[in-house]
Amino acid sequence: MKRAKCENACMSTAQQIRTLREHRNLSQEAFAEAIGKSRSLVAAWEAGRKEPGRDSLRAIERVFGVPMAYVLGDASEVKAIAEGAAEVTLLEMFRSADSVTQNSVLHILSLGKSKD
């Protein structure tokens, strides 16, 4: 009975982890490397065979900028993350850009503000 209860809870978490990984266009191996875990562990999470522990949840939260509640499948957090996903992706792109690109983006944004 305890196993069945875990399967239901793990499936929500499993879906969220897979969705997060796929949204970032990462393989299981790249996702695992980013959070310092093994690919086989990520595969087990996504299959619902295992559930991430607190340290793993913190790593996901820190590396991908999503709250633990999102990874655990809290519906309100899922909606909030979905609404802000494009902004998070743009911010990640900006942060990973070189300084010339960042300065160009900031300049373009400042032009838009001066017209308001």
N, C-alpha and C. Protein backbone atom coordinates (compact mmCIF):
# COMPACT_ATOMS: atom_id res chain seq x y z
N MET A 1 0.83 -1.19 0.00
CA MET A 1 0.00 0.00 0.00
C MET A 1 0.87 1.26 0.00
N LYS A 2 1.93 1.23 0.76
CA LYS A 2 2.83 2.38 0.78
C LYS A 2 3.41 2.63 -0.61
N ARG A 3 3.70 1.58 -1.35
CA ARG A 3 4.26 1.71 -2.70
C ARG A 3 3.26 2.38 -3.64
N ALA A 4 1.99 2.02 -3.58
CA ALA A 4 0.97 2.62 -4.44
C ALA A 4 0.84 4.11 -4.15
N LYS A 5 0.88 4.46 -2.87
CA LYS A 5 0.79 5.87 -2.49
C LYS A 5 1.98 6.64 -3.06
N CYS A 6 3.16 6.07 -2.99
CA CYS A 6 4.36 6.71 -3.52
C CYS A 6 4.26 6.85 -5.04
N GLU A 7 3.73 5.84 -5.72
CA GLU A 7 3.63 5.91 -7.17
C GLU A 7 2.79 7.11 -7.59
N ASN A 8 1.66 7.35 -6.90
CA ASN A 8 0.82 8.49 -7.25
C ASN A 8 1.55 9.80 -7.00
N ALA A 9 2.22 9.94 -5.88
CA ALA A 9 2.95 11.16 -5.57
C ALA A 9 4.13 11.33 -6.51
N CYS A 10 4.82 10.24 -6.80
CA CYS A 10 6.00 10.29 -7.65
C CYS A 10 5.64 10.65 -9.09
N MET A 11 4.47 10.22 -9.56
CA MET A 11 4.10 10.52 -10.93
C MET A 11 3.97 12.01 -11.17
N SER A 12 3.41 12.74 -10.24
CA SER A 12 3.30 14.18 -10.39
C SER A 12 4.69 14.80 -10.43
N THR A 13 5.53 14.38 -9.53
CA THR A 13 6.90 14.88 -9.51
C THR A 13 7.64 14.43 -10.77
N ALA A 14 7.41 13.21 -11.18
CA ALA A 14 8.04 12.67 -12.39
C ALA A 14 7.69 13.51 -13.61
N GLN A 15 6.41 13.83 -13.74
CA GLN A 15 5.98 14.66 -14.87
C GLN A 15 6.63 16.03 -14.84
N GLN A 16 6.69 16.64 -13.67
CA GLN A 16 7.25 17.98 -13.55
C GLN A 16 8.73 17.99 -13.90
N ILE A 17 9.47 16.99 -13.46
CA ILE A 17 10.89 16.93 -13.76
C ILE A 17 11.10 16.76 -15.26
N ARG A 18 10.33 15.87 -15.85
CA ARG A 18 10.46 15.65 -17.30
C ARG A 18 10.09 16.92 -18.07
N THR A 19 9.00 17.57 -17.66
CA THR A 19 8.57 18.81 -18.33
C THR A 19 9.64 19.88 -18.21
N LEU A 20 10.19 20.04 -17.04
CA LEU A 20 11.25 21.03 -16.82
C LEU A 20 12.45 20.73 -17.70
N ARG A 21 12.86 19.49 -17.74
CA ARG A 21 14.02 19.09 -18.55
C ARG A 21 13.75 19.32 -20.03
N GLU A 22 12.58 18.89 -20.50
CA GLU A 22 12.26 19.04 -21.92
C GLU A 22 12.08 20.51 -22.30
N HIS A 23 11.51 21.31 -21.40
CA HIS A 23 11.34 22.74 -21.67
C HIS A 23 12.69 23.41 -21.90
N ARG A 24 13.71 22.92 -21.22
CA ARG A 24 15.06 23.48 -21.37
C ARG A 24 15.83 22.80 -22.50
N ASN A 25 15.17 21.87 -23.21
CA ASN A 25 15.80 21.13 -24.31
C ASN A 25 17.06 20.40 -23.87
N LEU A 26 16.97 19.77 -22.71
CA LEU A 26 18.11 19.04 -22.17
C LEU A 26 17.88 17.54 -22.23
N SER A 27 18.93 16.80 -22.48
CA SER A 27 18.87 15.34 -22.36
C SER A 27 18.86 15.01 -20.87
N GLN A 28 18.52 13.77 -20.56
CA GLN A 28 18.59 13.35 -19.15
C GLN A 28 20.02 13.50 -18.64
N GLU A 29 20.98 13.20 -19.49
CA GLU A 29 22.38 13.29 -19.08
C GLU A 29 22.78 14.74 -18.79
N ALA A 30 22.38 15.67 -19.64
CA ALA A 30 22.74 17.08 -19.42
C ALA A 30 22.03 17.63 -18.18
N PHE A 31 20.78 17.24 -17.98
CA PHE A 31 20.03 17.67 -16.80
C PHE A 31 20.72 17.15 -15.54
N ALA A 32 21.08 15.86 -15.57
CA ALA A 32 21.74 15.24 -14.42
C ALA A 32 23.07 15.92 -14.12
N GLU A 33 23.84 16.21 -15.15
CA GLU A 33 25.13 16.87 -14.96
C GLU A 33 24.94 18.26 -14.34
N ALA A 34 23.91 18.98 -14.78
CA ALA A 34 23.66 20.34 -14.28
C ALA A 34 23.38 20.34 -12.78
N ILE A 35 22.71 19.29 -12.29
CA ILE A 35 22.37 19.25 -10.87
C ILE A 35 23.28 18.33 -10.05
N GLY A 36 24.28 17.77 -10.71
CA GLY A 36 25.25 16.94 -10.00
C GLY A 36 24.76 15.56 -9.61
N LYS A 37 23.88 14.99 -10.44
CA LYS A 37 23.36 13.65 -10.19
C LYS A 37 23.62 12.77 -11.39
N SER A 38 23.28 11.49 -11.31
CA SER A 38 23.50 10.57 -12.42
C SER A 38 22.30 10.56 -13.37
N ARG A 39 22.56 10.20 -14.62
CA ARG A 39 21.49 10.09 -15.61
C ARG A 39 20.49 9.01 -15.20
N SER A 40 20.99 7.93 -14.65
CA SER A 40 20.09 6.84 -14.25
C SER A 40 19.15 7.28 -13.12
N LEU A 41 19.62 8.16 -12.25
CA LEU A 41 18.76 8.67 -11.19
C LEU A 41 17.66 9.56 -11.77
N VAL A 42 18.04 10.43 -12.70
CA VAL A 42 17.04 11.29 -13.36
C VAL A 42 16.01 10.42 -14.08
N ALA A 43 16.47 9.37 -14.74
CA ALA A 43 15.55 8.45 -15.44
C ALA A 43 14.59 7.79 -14.45
N ALA A 44 15.10 7.41 -13.28
CA ALA A 44 14.25 6.80 -12.25
C ALA A 44 13.22 7.80 -11.73
N TRP A 45 13.61 9.07 -11.57
CA TRP A 45 12.65 10.10 -11.15
C TRP A 45 11.55 10.25 -12.18
N GLU A 46 11.95 10.35 -13.46
CA GLU A 46 10.98 10.57 -14.52
C GLU A 46 10.05 9.37 -14.71
N ALA A 47 10.52 8.19 -14.39
CA ALA A 47 9.69 6.99 -14.49
C ALA A 47 8.83 6.79 -13.24
N GLY A 48 9.06 7.59 -12.21
CA GLY A 48 8.29 7.47 -10.98
C GLY A 48 8.75 6.35 -10.08
N ARG A 49 9.93 5.78 -10.37
CA ARG A 49 10.45 4.71 -9.53
C ARG A 49 11.10 5.24 -8.26
N LYS A 50 11.60 6.47 -8.34
CA LYS A 50 12.21 7.11 -7.18
C LYS A 50 11.72 8.55 -7.13
N GLU A 51 11.85 9.14 -5.95
CA GLU A 51 11.48 10.53 -5.77
C GLU A 51 12.72 11.30 -5.32
N PRO A 52 12.93 12.50 -5.86
CA PRO A 52 14.13 13.25 -5.46
C PRO A 52 14.08 13.64 -3.99
N GLY A 53 15.24 13.59 -3.35
CA GLY A 53 15.35 14.02 -1.96
C GLY A 53 15.48 15.53 -1.88
N ARG A 54 15.54 16.02 -0.67
CA ARG A 54 15.60 17.47 -0.43
C ARG A 54 16.82 18.10 -1.11
N ASP A 55 17.99 17.46 -1.03
CA ASP A 55 19.19 18.02 -1.66
C ASP A 55 19.02 18.12 -3.17
N SER A 56 18.42 17.10 -3.77
CA SER A 56 18.20 17.11 -5.21
C SER A 56 17.19 18.19 -5.58
N LEU A 57 16.14 18.32 -4.79
CA LEU A 57 15.15 19.37 -5.05
C LEU A 57 15.79 20.76 -4.95
N ARG A 58 16.65 20.94 -3.98
CA ARG A 58 17.35 22.22 -3.83
C ARG A 58 18.25 22.50 -5.03
N ALA A 59 18.91 21.46 -5.53
CA ALA A 59 19.78 21.63 -6.70
C ALA A 59 18.95 22.03 -7.92
N ILE A 60 17.81 21.37 -8.11
CA ILE A 60 16.93 21.71 -9.24
C ILE A 60 16.43 23.15 -9.08
N GLU A 61 16.05 23.50 -7.88
CA GLU A 61 15.56 24.85 -7.59
C GLU A 61 16.64 25.89 -7.90
N ARG A 62 17.84 25.63 -7.46
CA ARG A 62 18.95 26.58 -7.63
C ARG A 62 19.37 26.69 -9.11
N VAL A 63 19.55 25.56 -9.77
CA VAL A 63 20.07 25.56 -11.14
C VAL A 63 19.04 26.05 -12.14
N PHE A 64 17.78 25.67 -11.95
CA PHE A 64 16.76 25.98 -12.96
C PHE A 64 15.81 27.10 -12.55
N GLY A 65 15.99 27.62 -11.34
CA GLY A 65 15.19 28.77 -10.92
C GLY A 65 13.71 28.48 -10.75
N VAL A 66 13.39 27.27 -10.34
CA VAL A 66 11.99 26.92 -10.08
C VAL A 66 11.84 26.51 -8.62
N PRO A 67 10.74 26.86 -7.98
CA PRO A 67 10.56 26.49 -6.58
C PRO A 67 10.31 24.99 -6.42
N MET A 68 10.66 24.47 -5.25
CA MET A 68 10.43 23.05 -4.97
C MET A 68 8.98 22.67 -5.19
N ALA A 69 8.07 23.56 -4.82
CA ALA A 69 6.64 23.27 -4.97
C ALA A 69 6.30 22.96 -6.42
N TYR A 70 6.95 23.63 -7.36
CA TYR A 70 6.72 23.36 -8.78
C TYR A 70 7.14 21.94 -9.12
N VAL A 71 8.35 21.57 -8.68
CA VAL A 71 8.86 20.23 -8.98
C VAL A 71 7.97 19.16 -8.36
N LEU A 72 7.41 19.46 -7.20
CA LEU A 72 6.54 18.51 -6.51
C LEU A 72 5.12 18.52 -7.05
N GLY A 73 4.82 19.41 -8.01
CA GLY A 73 3.53 19.38 -8.69
C GLY A 73 2.45 20.24 -8.10
N ASP A 74 2.78 21.24 -7.28
CA ASP A 74 1.78 22.16 -6.73
C ASP A 74 1.13 22.90 -7.89
N ALA A 75 -0.17 22.75 -8.08
CA ALA A 75 -0.89 23.30 -9.23
C ALA A 75 -0.73 24.81 -9.35
N SER A 76 -0.77 25.53 -8.25
CA SER A 76 -0.65 26.99 -8.33
C SER A 76 0.74 27.39 -8.79
N GLU A 77 1.75 26.66 -8.34
CA GLU A 77 3.11 26.94 -8.77
C GLU A 77 3.29 26.59 -10.25
N VAL A 78 2.66 25.49 -10.69
CA VAL A 78 2.76 25.09 -12.09
C VAL A 78 2.21 26.19 -12.98
N LYS A 79 1.05 26.75 -12.63
CA LYS A 79 0.44 27.82 -13.41
C LYS A 79 1.34 29.06 -13.42
N ALA A 80 1.87 29.42 -12.29
CA ALA A 80 2.74 30.60 -12.20
C ALA A 80 4.01 30.41 -13.03
N ILE A 81 4.57 29.21 -12.98
CA ILE A 81 5.78 28.94 -13.76
C ILE A 81 5.45 28.96 -15.24
N ALA A 82 4.34 28.37 -15.64
CA ALA A 82 3.96 28.35 -17.05
C ALA A 82 3.79 29.77 -17.58
N GLU A 83 3.18 30.64 -16.78
CA GLU A 83 2.97 32.02 -17.21
C GLU A 83 4.28 32.77 -17.32
N GLY A 84 5.25 32.44 -16.50
CA GLY A 84 6.52 33.15 -16.52
C GLY A 84 7.63 32.42 -17.27
N ALA A 85 7.31 31.29 -17.91
CA ALA A 85 8.34 30.49 -18.57
C ALA A 85 9.07 31.25 -19.66
N ALA A 86 8.35 32.02 -20.46
CA ALA A 86 9.01 32.77 -21.54
C ALA A 86 9.96 33.80 -20.96
N GLU A 87 9.57 34.46 -19.88
CA GLU A 87 10.43 35.46 -19.26
C GLU A 87 11.69 34.81 -18.69
N VAL A 88 11.53 33.64 -18.09
CA VAL A 88 12.69 32.94 -17.52
C VAL A 88 13.63 32.55 -18.64
N THR A 89 13.09 32.05 -19.77
CA THR A 89 13.93 31.65 -20.89
C THR A 89 14.68 32.84 -21.45
N LEU A 90 14.00 33.98 -21.60
CA LEU A 90 14.67 35.18 -22.10
C LEU A 90 15.77 35.64 -21.14
N LEU A 91 15.49 35.57 -19.86
CA LEU A 91 16.49 35.97 -18.87
C LEU A 91 17.70 35.05 -18.93
N GLU A 92 17.47 33.75 -19.09
CA GLU A 92 18.57 32.80 -19.20
C GLU A 92 19.40 33.09 -20.44
N MET A 93 18.72 33.41 -21.55
CA MET A 93 19.43 33.73 -22.78
C MET A 93 20.27 34.99 -22.60
N PHE A 94 19.69 35.99 -21.96
CA PHE A 94 20.42 37.24 -21.72
C PHE A 94 21.66 36.99 -20.87
N ARG A 95 21.49 36.23 -19.79
CA ARG A 95 22.61 35.97 -18.89
C ARG A 95 23.74 35.19 -19.56
N SER A 96 23.38 34.32 -20.50
CA SER A 96 24.41 33.51 -21.16
C SER A 96 25.03 34.21 -22.36
N ALA A 97 24.49 35.36 -22.75
CA ALA A 97 25.02 36.10 -23.90
C ALA A 97 26.33 36.80 -23.54
N ASP A 98 27.11 37.09 -24.57
CA ASP A 98 28.35 37.83 -24.34
C ASP A 98 28.03 39.29 -24.01
N SER A 99 29.01 40.02 -23.54
CA SER A 99 28.77 41.39 -23.08
C SER A 99 28.32 42.33 -24.19
N VAL A 100 28.79 42.13 -25.42
CA VAL A 100 28.37 42.97 -26.54
C VAL A 100 26.87 42.79 -26.79
N THR A 101 26.43 41.56 -26.79
CA THR A 101 25.01 41.28 -27.01
C THR A 101 24.17 41.84 -25.86
N GLN A 102 24.63 41.64 -24.63
CA GLN A 102 23.90 42.19 -23.49
C GLN A 102 23.78 43.70 -23.58
N ASN A 103 24.86 44.37 -23.92
CA ASN A 103 24.81 45.83 -24.04
C ASN A 103 23.88 46.27 -25.17
N SER A 104 23.86 45.53 -26.26
CA SER A 104 22.95 45.85 -27.37
C SER A 104 21.50 45.72 -26.94
N VAL A 105 21.19 44.65 -26.22
CA VAL A 105 19.82 44.44 -25.73
C VAL A 105 19.42 45.56 -24.78
N LEU A 106 20.32 45.89 -23.87
CA LEU A 106 20.03 46.98 -22.92
C LEU A 106 19.81 48.31 -23.64
N HIS A 107 20.59 48.55 -24.68
CA HIS A 107 20.43 49.78 -25.46
C HIS A 107 19.06 49.81 -26.14
N ILE A 108 18.68 48.70 -26.76
CA ILE A 108 17.38 48.62 -27.44
C ILE A 108 16.25 48.82 -26.45
N LEU A 109 16.37 48.22 -25.28
CA LEU A 109 15.34 48.39 -24.26
C LEU A 109 15.25 49.84 -23.79
N SER A 110 16.38 50.50 -23.68
CA SER A 110 16.37 51.91 -23.25
C SER A 110 15.72 52.80 -24.30
N LEU A 111 15.84 52.45 -25.57
CA LEU A 111 15.17 53.22 -26.63
C LEU A 111 13.66 53.14 -26.49
N GLY A 112 13.18 51.97 -26.14
CA GLY A 112 11.73 51.78 -25.94
C GLY A 112 11.21 52.60 -24.78
N LYS A 113 12.01 52.73 -23.72
CA LYS A 113 11.58 53.50 -22.55
C LYS A 113 11.52 55.00 -22.85
N SER A 114 12.44 55.50 -23.67
CA SER A 114 12.46 56.92 -23.95
C SER A 114 11.27 57.37 -24.79
N LYS A 115 10.62 56.43 -25.51
CA LYS A 115 9.45 56.77 -26.31
C LYS A 115 8.19 56.85 -25.48
N ASP A 116 8.18 56.25 -24.31
CA ASP A 116 6.97 56.23 -23.44
C ASP A 116 6.70 57.53 -22.79
